Amino acid sequence: MDTIETYTSVVLSTAHLTQDDAELIDSISLEGNEMIFARDAQLFIKLYGGAPALNVRGDYSETLKNIIKWAIGEGYLLIEFDADALYYDLFPTFDW
């Protein structure tokens, strides 16, 4: 029997992103980065587990860096930012 590979993801509102971060993620997605991709009202960041340094870019806001570090610490391997997802008190929100 083959082993089925799975991983966990977390879904956060896009309101937890700054406008600059949302635009940056979209831009990176268009460059063909296979770890970052975008769809209509959703942005996705695939994570290298246990390695914040591999996932955090210098041009991300401190808020996004903190979200990524938190997600890795919680064992998530994918962050989905969705316009219809819930807000979490753990992270600031931005109105853009």
PDB file of N, CA and C in Angstrom:
ATOM      1  N   MET A   1       0.835  -1.180   0.000  1.00  0.00           N
ATOM      2  CA  MET A   1       0.000   0.000   0.000  1.00  0.00           C
ATOM      3  C   MET A   1       0.879   1.243   0.000  1.00  0.00           C
ATOM      4  N   ASP A   2       0.557   2.170  -0.868  1.00  0.00           N
ATOM      5  CA  ASP A   2       1.287   3.431  -0.929  1.00  0.00           C
ATOM      6  C   ASP A   2       0.879   4.327   0.234  1.00  0.00           C
ATOM      7  N   THR A   3       1.821   5.106   0.703  1.00  0.00           N
ATOM      8  CA  THR A   3       1.530   6.077   1.750  1.00  0.00           C
ATOM      9  C   THR A   3       0.907   7.307   1.113  1.00  0.00           C
ATOM     10  N   ILE A   4      -0.146   7.800   1.710  1.00  0.00           N
ATOM     11  CA  ILE A   4      -0.798   9.006   1.215  1.00  0.00           C
ATOM     12  C   ILE A   4      -0.183  10.198   1.937  1.00  0.00           C
ATOM     13  N   GLU A   5       0.372  11.101   1.154  1.00  0.00           N
ATOM     14  CA  GLU A   5       0.994  12.290   1.727  1.00  0.00           C
ATOM     15  C   GLU A   5      -0.072  13.354   1.964  1.00  0.00           C
ATOM     16  N   THR A   6      -0.099  13.894   3.159  1.00  0.00           N
ATOM     17  CA  THR A   6      -1.042  14.953   3.493  1.00  0.00           C
ATOM     18  C   THR A   6      -0.304  16.066   4.218  1.00  0.00           C
ATOM     19  N   TYR A   7      -0.927  17.223   4.279  1.00  0.00           N
ATOM     20  CA  TYR A   7      -0.406  18.316   5.089  1.00  0.00           C
ATOM     21  C   TYR A   7      -1.566  19.192   5.516  1.00  0.00           C
ATOM     22  N   THR A   8      -1.327  19.961   6.571  1.00  0.00           N
ATOM     23  CA  THR A   8      -2.396  20.797   7.100  1.00  0.00           C
ATOM     24  C   THR A   8      -2.243  22.230   6.609  1.00  0.00           C
ATOM     25  N   SER A   9      -3.375  22.885   6.517  1.00  0.00           N
ATOM     26  CA  SER A   9      -3.384  24.282   6.090  1.00  0.00           C
ATOM     27  C   SER A   9      -4.226  25.092   7.064  1.00  0.00           C
ATOM     28  N   VAL A  10      -4.009  26.388   7.034  1.00  0.00           N
ATOM     29  CA  VAL A  10      -4.798  27.312   7.841  1.00  0.00           C
ATOM     30  C   VAL A  10      -5.363  28.363   6.894  1.00  0.00           C
ATOM     31  N   VAL A  11      -6.596  28.776   7.153  1.00  0.00           N
ATOM     32  CA  VAL A  11      -7.249  29.774   6.316  1.00  0.00           C
ATOM     33  C   VAL A  11      -7.460  31.039   7.146  1.00  0.00           C
ATOM     34  N   LEU A  12      -6.971  32.153   6.644  1.00  0.00           N
ATOM     35  CA  LEU A  12      -7.095  33.447   7.299  1.00  0.00           C
ATOM     36  C   LEU A  12      -7.720  34.442   6.335  1.00  0.00           C
ATOM     37  N   SER A  13      -8.372  35.435   6.861  1.00  0.00           N
ATOM     38  CA  SER A  13      -8.928  36.495   6.024  1.00  0.00           C
ATOM     39  C   SER A  13      -7.812  37.283   5.338  1.00  0.00           C
ATOM     40  N   THR A  14      -8.073  37.704   4.118  1.00  0.00           N
ATOM     41  CA  THR A  14      -7.116  38.581   3.437  1.00  0.00           C
ATOM     42  C   THR A  14      -6.974  39.912   4.165  1.00  0.00           C
ATOM     43  N   ALA A  15      -7.914  40.226   5.059  1.00  0.00           N
ATOM     44  CA  ALA A  15      -7.817  41.461   5.849  1.00  0.00           C
ATOM     45  C   ALA A  15      -6.603  41.440   6.776  1.00  0.00           C
ATOM     46  N   HIS A  16      -6.019  40.265   7.004  1.00  0.00           N
ATOM     47  CA  HIS A  16      -4.807  40.179   7.822  1.00  0.00           C
ATOM     48  C   HIS A  16      -3.560  40.542   7.022  1.00  0.00           C
ATOM     49  N   LEU A  17      -3.723  40.787   5.741  1.00  0.00           N
ATOM     50  CA  LEU A  17      -2.607  41.217   4.891  1.00  0.00           C
ATOM     51  C   LEU A  17      -2.656  42.724   4.676  1.00  0.00           C
ATOM     52  N   THR A  18      -1.494  43.339   4.620  1.00  0.00           N
ATOM     53  CA  THR A  18      -1.460  44.726   4.170  1.00  0.00           C
ATOM     54  C   THR A  18      -1.712  44.717   2.665  1.00  0.00           C
ATOM     55  N   GLN A  19      -2.103  45.820   2.125  1.00  0.00           N
ATOM     56  CA  GLN A  19      -2.306  45.899   0.681  1.00  0.00           C
ATOM     57  C   GLN A  19      -0.995  45.617  -0.051  1.00  0.00           C
ATOM     58  N   ASP A  20       0.107  46.136   0.488  1.00  0.00           N
ATOM     59  CA  ASP A  20       1.414  45.881  -0.142  1.00  0.00           C
ATOM     60  C   ASP A  20       1.739  44.391  -0.166  1.00  0.00           C
ATOM     61  N   ASP A  21       1.459  43.681   0.946  1.00  0.00           N
ATOM     62  CA  ASP A  21       1.714  42.237   0.973  1.00  0.00           C
ATOM     63  C   ASP A  21       0.845  41.501  -0.032  1.00  0.00           C
ATOM     64  N   ALA A  22      -0.431  41.860  -0.105  1.00  0.00           N
ATOM     65  CA  ALA A  22      -1.333  41.204  -1.055  1.00  0.00           C
ATOM     66  C   ALA A  22      -0.850  41.406  -2.492  1.00  0.00           C
ATOM     67  N   GLU A  23      -0.444  42.615  -2.802  1.00  0.00           N
ATOM     68  CA  GLU A  23       0.058  42.902  -4.151  1.00  0.00           C
ATOM     69  C   GLU A  23       1.377  42.180  -4.413  1.00  0.00           C
ATOM     70  N   LEU A  24       2.234  42.103  -3.397  1.00  0.00           N
ATOM     71  CA  LEU A  24       3.507  41.411  -3.546  1.00  0.00           C
ATOM     72  C   LEU A  24       3.299  39.923  -3.777  1.00  0.00           C
ATOM     73  N   ILE A  25       2.426  39.299  -2.997  1.00  0.00           N
ATOM     74  CA  ILE A  25       2.146  37.874  -3.175  1.00  0.00           C
ATOM     75  C   ILE A  25       1.594  37.618  -4.573  1.00  0.00           C
ATOM     76  N   ASP A  26       0.688  38.463  -5.023  1.00  0.00           N
ATOM     77  CA  ASP A  26       0.138  38.326  -6.373  1.00  0.00           C
ATOM     78  C   ASP A  26       1.236  38.455  -7.421  1.00  0.00           C
ATOM     79  N   SER A  27       2.115  39.410  -7.239  1.00  0.00           N
ATOM     80  CA  SER A  27       3.220  39.629  -8.173  1.00  0.00           C
ATOM     81  C   SER A  27       4.170  38.429  -8.203  1.00  0.00           C
ATOM     82  N   ILE A  28       4.517  37.920  -7.035  1.00  0.00           N
ATOM     83  CA  ILE A  28       5.400  36.749  -6.956  1.00  0.00           C
ATOM     84  C   ILE A  28       4.746  35.560  -7.642  1.00  0.00           C
ATOM     85  N   SER A  29       3.447  35.430  -7.467  1.00  0.00           N
ATOM     86  CA  SER A  29       2.699  34.347  -8.097  1.00  0.00           C
ATOM     87  C   SER A  29       2.821  34.407  -9.620  1.00  0.00           C
ATOM     88  N   LEU A  30       2.756  35.603 -10.159  1.00  0.00           N
ATOM     89  CA  LEU A  30       2.847  35.780 -11.612  1.00  0.00           C
ATOM     90  C   LEU A  30       4.236  35.454 -12.151  1.00  0.00           C
ATOM     91  N   GLU A  31       5.239  35.493 -11.292  1.00  0.00           N
ATOM     92  CA  GLU A  31       6.608  35.166 -11.696  1.00  0.00           C
ATOM     93  C   GLU A  31       6.816  33.660 -11.821  1.00  0.00           C
ATOM     94  N   GLY A  32       5.830  32.880 -11.404  1.00  0.00           N
ATOM     95  CA  GLY A  32       5.931  31.431 -11.522  1.00  0.00           C
ATOM     96  C   GLY A  32       6.525  30.756 -10.303  1.00  0.00           C
ATOM     97  N   ASN A  33       6.586  31.438  -9.174  1.00  0.00           N
ATOM     98  CA  ASN A  33       7.071  30.819  -7.943  1.00  0.00           C
ATOM     99  C   ASN A  33       6.106  29.709  -7.551  1.00  0.00           C
ATOM    100  N   GLU A  34       6.596  28.495  -7.427  1.00  0.00           N
ATOM    101  CA  GLU A  34       5.695  27.370  -7.144  1.00  0.00           C
ATOM    102  C   GLU A  34       5.279  27.269  -5.680  1.00  0.00           C
ATOM    103  N   MET A  35       5.812  28.127  -4.821  1.00  0.00           N
ATOM    104  CA  MET A  35       5.431  28.114  -3.406  1.00  0.00           C
ATOM    105  C   MET A  35       4.391  29.192  -3.085  1.00  0.00           C
ATOM    106  N   ILE A  36       4.161  30.094  -4.021  1.00  0.00           N
ATOM    107  CA  ILE A  36       3.225  31.195  -3.815  1.00  0.00           C
ATOM    108  C   ILE A  36       2.325  31.279  -5.040  1.00  0.00           C
ATOM    109  N   PHE A  37       1.024  31.280  -4.813  1.00  0.00           N
ATOM    110  CA  PHE A  37       0.120  31.369  -5.950  1.00  0.00           C
ATOM    111  C   PHE A  37      -1.152  32.106  -5.561  1.00  0.00           C
ATOM    112  N   ALA A  38      -1.848  32.590  -6.570  1.00  0.00           N
ATOM    113  CA  ALA A  38      -3.036  33.413  -6.343  1.00  0.00           C
ATOM    114  C   ALA A  38      -4.170  32.953  -7.246  1.00  0.00           C
ATOM    115  N   ARG A  39      -5.392  33.143  -6.728  1.00  0.00           N
ATOM    116  CA  ARG A  39      -6.619  32.949  -7.500  1.00  0.00           C
ATOM    117  C   ARG A  39      -7.549  34.068  -7.090  1.00  0.00           C
ATOM    118  N   ASP A  40      -8.432  34.454  -7.920  1.00  0.00           N
ATOM    119  CA  ASP A  40      -9.407  35.515  -7.679  1.00  0.00           C
ATOM    120  C   ASP A  40      -9.278  36.185  -6.310  1.00  0.00           C
ATOM    121  N   ALA A  41      -9.985  35.721  -5.319  1.00  0.00           N
ATOM    122  CA  ALA A  41      -9.994  36.355  -3.991  1.00  0.00           C
ATOM    123  C   ALA A  41      -9.198  35.544  -2.975  1.00  0.00           C
ATOM    124  N   GLN A  42      -8.230  34.750  -3.465  1.00  0.00           N
ATOM    125  CA  GLN A  42      -7.444  33.907  -2.583  1.00  0.00           C
ATOM    126  C   GLN A  42      -5.962  34.015  -2.924  1.00  0.00           C
ATOM    127  N   LEU A  43      -5.149  33.982  -1.869  1.00  0.00           N
ATOM    128  CA  LEU A  43      -3.696  33.969  -2.011  1.00  0.00           C
ATOM    129  C   LEU A  43      -3.170  32.813  -1.172  1.00  0.00           C
ATOM    130  N   PHE A  44      -2.186  32.089  -1.682  1.00  0.00           N
ATOM    131  CA  PHE A  44      -1.672  30.907  -0.999  1.00  0.00           C
ATOM    132  C   PHE A  44      -0.165  31.001  -0.840  1.00  0.00           C
ATOM    133  N   ILE A  45       0.311  30.616   0.333  1.00  0.00           N
ATOM    134  CA  ILE A  45       1.745  30.516   0.575  1.00  0.00           C
ATOM    135  C   ILE A  45       2.018  29.111   1.099  1.00  0.00           C
ATOM    136  N   LYS A  46       2.723  28.299   0.308  1.00  0.00           N
ATOM    137  CA  LYS A  46       3.151  26.982   0.764  1.00  0.00           C
ATOM    138  C   LYS A  46       4.399  27.187   1.612  1.00  0.00           C
ATOM    139  N   LEU A  47       4.507  26.412   2.672  1.00  0.00           N
ATOM    140  CA  LEU A  47       5.590  26.607   3.625  1.00  0.00           C
ATOM    141  C   LEU A  47       6.538  25.420   3.657  1.00  0.00           C
ATOM    142  N   TYR A  48       7.802  25.738   3.853  1.00  0.00           N
ATOM    143  CA  TYR A  48       8.791  24.715   4.144  1.00  0.00           C
ATOM    144  C   TYR A  48       8.723  24.508   5.647  1.00  0.00           C
ATOM    145  N   GLY A  49       8.278  23.358   6.096  1.00  0.00           N
ATOM    146  CA  GLY A  49       8.077  23.110   7.519  1.00  0.00           C
ATOM    147  C   GLY A  49       9.330  23.282   8.348  1.00  0.00           C
ATOM    148  N   GLY A  50       9.169  23.931   9.483  1.00  0.00           N
ATOM    149  CA  GLY A  50      10.253  24.086  10.438  1.00  0.00           C
ATOM    150  C   GLY A  50      11.371  25.004  10.011  1.00  0.00           C
ATOM    151  N   ALA A  51      11.162  25.778   8.962  1.00  0.00           N
ATOM    152  CA  ALA A  51      12.242  26.619   8.453  1.00  0.00           C
ATOM    153  C   ALA A  51      11.750  28.028   8.134  1.00  0.00           C
ATOM    154  N   PRO A  52      11.493  28.856   9.156  1.00  0.00           N
ATOM    155  CA  PRO A  52      11.000  30.209   8.887  1.00  0.00           C
ATOM    156  C   PRO A  52      11.888  30.990   7.924  1.00  0.00           C
ATOM    157  N   ALA A  53      13.189  30.813   8.010  1.00  0.00           N
ATOM    158  CA  ALA A  53      14.100  31.579   7.165  1.00  0.00           C
ATOM    159  C   ALA A  53      13.885  31.297   5.673  1.00  0.00           C
ATOM    160  N   LEU A  54      13.426  30.102   5.341  1.00  0.00           N
ATOM    161  CA  LEU A  54      13.172  29.772   3.937  1.00  0.00           C
ATOM    162  C   LEU A  54      11.861  30.348   3.426  1.00  0.00           C
ATOM    163  N   ASN A  55      10.986  30.743   4.328  1.00  0.00           N
ATOM    164  CA  ASN A  55       9.650  31.206   3.961  1.00  0.00           C
ATOM    165  C   ASN A  55       9.469  32.717   4.059  1.00  0.00           C
ATOM    166  N   VAL A  56      10.316  33.380   4.795  1.00  0.00           N
ATOM    167  CA  VAL A  56      10.131  34.792   5.081  1.00  0.00           C
ATOM    168  C   VAL A  56      11.041  35.621   4.182  1.00  0.00           C
ATOM    169  N   ARG A  57      10.423  36.448   3.366  1.00  0.00           N
ATOM    170  CA  ARG A  57      11.180  37.336   2.480  1.00  0.00           C
ATOM    171  C   ARG A  57      11.386  38.676   3.175  1.00  0.00           C
ATOM    172  N   GLY A  58      12.460  39.338   2.840  1.00  0.00           N
ATOM    173  CA  GLY A  58      12.754  40.630   3.436  1.00  0.00           C
ATOM    174  C   GLY A  58      11.751  41.707   3.094  1.00  0.00           C
ATOM    175  N   ASP A  59      11.040  41.554   1.974  1.00  0.00           N
ATOM    176  CA  ASP A  59      10.088  42.583   1.556  1.00  0.00           C
ATOM    177  C   ASP A  59       8.676  42.349   2.098  1.00  0.00           C
ATOM    178  N   TYR A  60       8.458  41.315   2.899  1.00  0.00           N
ATOM    179  CA  TYR A  60       7.175  41.113   3.570  1.00  0.00           C
ATOM    180  C   TYR A  60       7.069  42.068   4.754  1.00  0.00           C
ATOM    181  N   SER A  61       5.847  42.454   5.091  1.00  0.00           N
ATOM    182  CA  SER A  61       5.629  43.271   6.286  1.00  0.00           C
ATOM    183  C   SER A  61       5.920  42.423   7.529  1.00  0.00           C
ATOM    184  N   GLU A  62       6.105  43.094   8.647  1.00  0.00           N
ATOM    185  CA  GLU A  62       6.318  42.372   9.904  1.00  0.00           C
ATOM    186  C   GLU A  62       5.095  41.520  10.242  1.00  0.00           C
ATOM    187  N   THR A  63       3.914  42.014   9.903  1.00  0.00           N
ATOM    188  CA  THR A  63       2.693  41.251  10.163  1.00  0.00           C
ATOM    189  C   THR A  63       2.714  39.932   9.410  1.00  0.00           C
ATOM    190  N   LEU A  64       3.032  39.962   8.124  1.00  0.00           N
ATOM    191  CA  LEU A  64       3.064  38.733   7.330  1.00  0.00           C
ATOM    192  C   LEU A  64       4.172  37.808   7.828  1.00  0.00           C
ATOM    193  N   LYS A  65       5.303  38.355   8.168  1.00  0.00           N
ATOM    194  CA  LYS A  65       6.388  37.534   8.715  1.00  0.00           C
ATOM    195  C   LYS A  65       5.922  36.818   9.975  1.00  0.00           C
ATOM    196  N   ASN A  66       5.208  37.529  10.838  1.00  0.00           N
ATOM    197  CA  ASN A  66       4.715  36.932  12.073  1.00  0.00           C
ATOM    198  C   ASN A  66       3.675  35.851  11.807  1.00  0.00           C
ATOM    199  N   ILE A  67       2.810  36.069  10.825  1.00  0.00           N
ATOM    200  CA  ILE A  67       1.815  35.053  10.462  1.00  0.00           C
ATOM    201  C   ILE A  67       2.518  33.791   9.973  1.00  0.00           C
ATOM    202  N   ILE A  68       3.510  33.953   9.120  1.00  0.00           N
ATOM    203  CA  ILE A  68       4.248  32.799   8.591  1.00  0.00           C
ATOM    204  C   ILE A  68       4.957  32.052   9.717  1.00  0.00           C
ATOM    205  N   LYS A  69       5.640  32.779  10.579  1.00  0.00           N
ATOM    206  CA  LYS A  69       6.346  32.131  11.693  1.00  0.00           C
ATOM    207  C   LYS A  69       5.352  31.399  12.606  1.00  0.00           C
ATOM    208  N   TRP A  70       4.206  32.033  12.872  1.00  0.00           N
ATOM    209  CA  TRP A  70       3.174  31.394  13.697  1.00  0.00           C
ATOM    210  C   TRP A  70       2.689  30.105  13.033  1.00  0.00           C
ATOM    211  N   ALA A  71       2.384  30.175  11.734  1.00  0.00           N
ATOM    212  CA  ALA A  71       1.860  29.009  11.014  1.00  0.00           C
ATOM    213  C   ALA A  71       2.858  27.851  11.050  1.00  0.00           C
ATOM    214  N   ILE A  72       4.115  28.142  10.847  1.00  0.00           N
ATOM    215  CA  ILE A  72       5.138  27.092  10.903  1.00  0.00           C
ATOM    216  C   ILE A  72       5.204  26.502  12.311  1.00  0.00           C
ATOM    217  N   GLY A  73       5.176  27.369  13.312  1.00  0.00           N
ATOM    218  CA  GLY A  73       5.215  26.910  14.695  1.00  0.00           C
ATOM    219  C   GLY A  73       4.038  26.022  15.059  1.00  0.00           C
ATOM    220  N   GLU A  74       2.890  26.254  14.414  1.00  0.00           N
ATOM    221  CA  GLU A  74       1.692  25.452  14.657  1.00  0.00           C
ATOM    222  C   GLU A  74       1.650  24.183  13.802  1.00  0.00           C
ATOM    223  N   GLY A  75       2.644  24.029  12.916  1.00  0.00           N
ATOM    224  CA  GLY A  75       2.720  22.822  12.092  1.00  0.00           C
ATOM    225  C   GLY A  75       1.991  22.891  10.769  1.00  0.00           C
ATOM    226  N   TYR A  76       1.522  24.081  10.369  1.00  0.00           N
ATOM    227  CA  TYR A  76       0.851  24.224   9.072  1.00  0.00           C
ATOM    228  C   TYR A  76       1.876  24.288   7.944  1.00  0.00           C
ATOM    229  N   LEU A  77       1.503  23.759   6.800  1.00  0.00           N
ATOM    230  CA  LEU A  77       2.383  23.794   5.636  1.00  0.00           C
ATOM    231  C   LEU A  77       1.790  24.592   4.481  1.00  0.00           C
ATOM    232  N   LEU A  78       0.632  25.204   4.719  1.00  0.00           N
ATOM    233  CA  LEU A  78       0.016  26.062   3.712  1.00  0.00           C
ATOM    234  C   LEU A  78      -0.812  27.117   4.431  1.00  0.00           C
ATOM    235  N   ILE A  79      -0.649  28.368   4.000  1.00  0.00           N
ATOM    236  CA  ILE A  79      -1.513  29.442   4.472  1.00  0.00           C
ATOM    237  C   ILE A  79      -2.365  29.876   3.289  1.00  0.00           C
ATOM    238  N   GLU A  80      -3.673  29.849   3.488  1.00  0.00           N
ATOM    239  CA  GLU A  80      -4.594  30.362   2.479  1.00  0.00           C
ATOM    240  C   GLU A  80      -5.195  31.651   3.025  1.00  0.00           C
ATOM    241  N   PHE A  81      -5.044  32.717   2.275  1.00  0.00           N
ATOM    242  CA  PHE A  81      -5.697  33.983   2.603  1.00  0.00           C
ATOM    243  C   PHE A  81      -6.899  34.096   1.689  1.00  0.00           C
ATOM    244  N   ASP A  82      -8.076  34.210   2.291  1.00  0.00           N
ATOM    245  CA  ASP A  82      -9.319  34.216   1.530  1.00  0.00           C
ATOM    246  C   ASP A  82     -10.166  35.407   1.977  1.00  0.00           C
ATOM    247  N   ALA A  83     -10.746  36.100   1.025  1.00  0.00           N
ATOM    248  CA  ALA A  83     -11.564  37.281   1.327  1.00  0.00           C
ATOM    249  C   ALA A  83     -12.766  36.934   2.200  1.00  0.00           C
ATOM    250  N   ASP A  84     -13.240  35.699   2.152  1.00  0.00           N
ATOM    251  CA  ASP A  84     -14.414  35.294   2.918  1.00  0.00           C
ATOM    252  C   ASP A  84     -14.081  34.544   4.207  1.00  0.00           C
ATOM    253  N   ALA A  85     -12.810  34.400   4.508  1.00  0.00           N
ATOM    254  CA  ALA A  85     -12.413  33.652   5.709  1.00  0.00           C
ATOM    255  C   ALA A  85     -12.595  34.496   6.969  1.00  0.00           C
ATOM    256  N   LEU A  86     -12.497  33.832   8.100  1.00  0.00           N
ATOM    257  CA  LEU A  86     -12.666  34.489   9.387  1.00  0.00           C
ATOM    258  C   LEU A  86     -11.463  35.353   9.766  1.00  0.00           C
ATOM    259  N   TYR A  87     -11.732  36.324  10.616  1.00  0.00           N
ATOM    260  CA  TYR A  87     -10.684  37.141  11.212  1.00  0.00           C
ATOM    261  C   TYR A  87     -10.256  36.474  12.508  1.00  0.00           C
ATOM    262  N   TYR A  88      -8.985  36.641  12.878  1.00  0.00           N
ATOM    263  CA  TYR A  88      -8.484  36.101  14.131  1.00  0.00           C
ATOM    264  C   TYR A  88      -7.873  37.223  14.954  1.00  0.00           C
ATOM    265  N   ASP A  89      -8.248  37.278  16.225  1.00  0.00           N
ATOM    266  CA  ASP A  89      -7.734  38.322  17.117  1.00  0.00           C
ATOM    267  C   ASP A  89      -6.220  38.277  17.259  1.00  0.00           C
ATOM    268  N   LEU A  90      -5.643  37.172  16.946  1.00  0.00           N
ATOM    269  CA  LEU A  90      -4.205  36.984  17.058  1.00  0.00           C
ATOM    270  C   LEU A  90      -3.413  37.920  16.135  1.00  0.00           C
ATOM    271  N   PHE A  91      -4.044  38.344  15.022  1.00  0.00           N
ATOM    272  CA  PHE A  91      -3.346  39.152  14.025  1.00  0.00           C
ATOM    273  C   PHE A  91      -4.110  40.450  13.745  1.00  0.00           C
ATOM    274  N   PRO A  92      -3.379  41.523  13.435  1.00  0.00           N
ATOM    275  CA  PRO A  92      -4.057  42.772  13.086  1.00  0.00           C
ATOM    276  C   PRO A  92      -4.800  42.620  11.750  1.00  0.00           C
ATOM    277  N   THR A  93      -5.746  43.526  11.521  1.00  0.00           N
ATOM    278  CA  THR A  93      -6.445  43.568  10.232  1.00  0.00           C
ATOM    279  C   THR A  93      -6.208  44.923   9.590  1.00  0.00           C
ATOM    280  N   PHE A  94      -6.359  44.951   8.282  1.00  0.00           N
ATOM    281  CA  PHE A  94      -6.101  46.163   7.517  1.00  0.00           C
ATOM    282  C   PHE A  94      -7.302  46.415   6.587  1.00  0.00           C
ATOM    283  N   ASP A  95      -7.678  47.661   6.464  1.00  0.00           N
ATOM    284  CA  ASP A  95      -8.820  48.039   5.629  1.00  0.00           C
ATOM    285  C   ASP A  95      -8.279  48.704   4.366  1.00  0.00           C
ATOM    286  N   TRP A  96      -8.291  47.959   3.275  1.00  0.00           N
ATOM    287  CA  TRP A  96      -7.790  48.507   2.014  1.00  0.00           C
ATOM    288  C   TRP A  96      -8.717  48.161   0.930  1.00  0.00           C
TER     289      TRP A  96
END
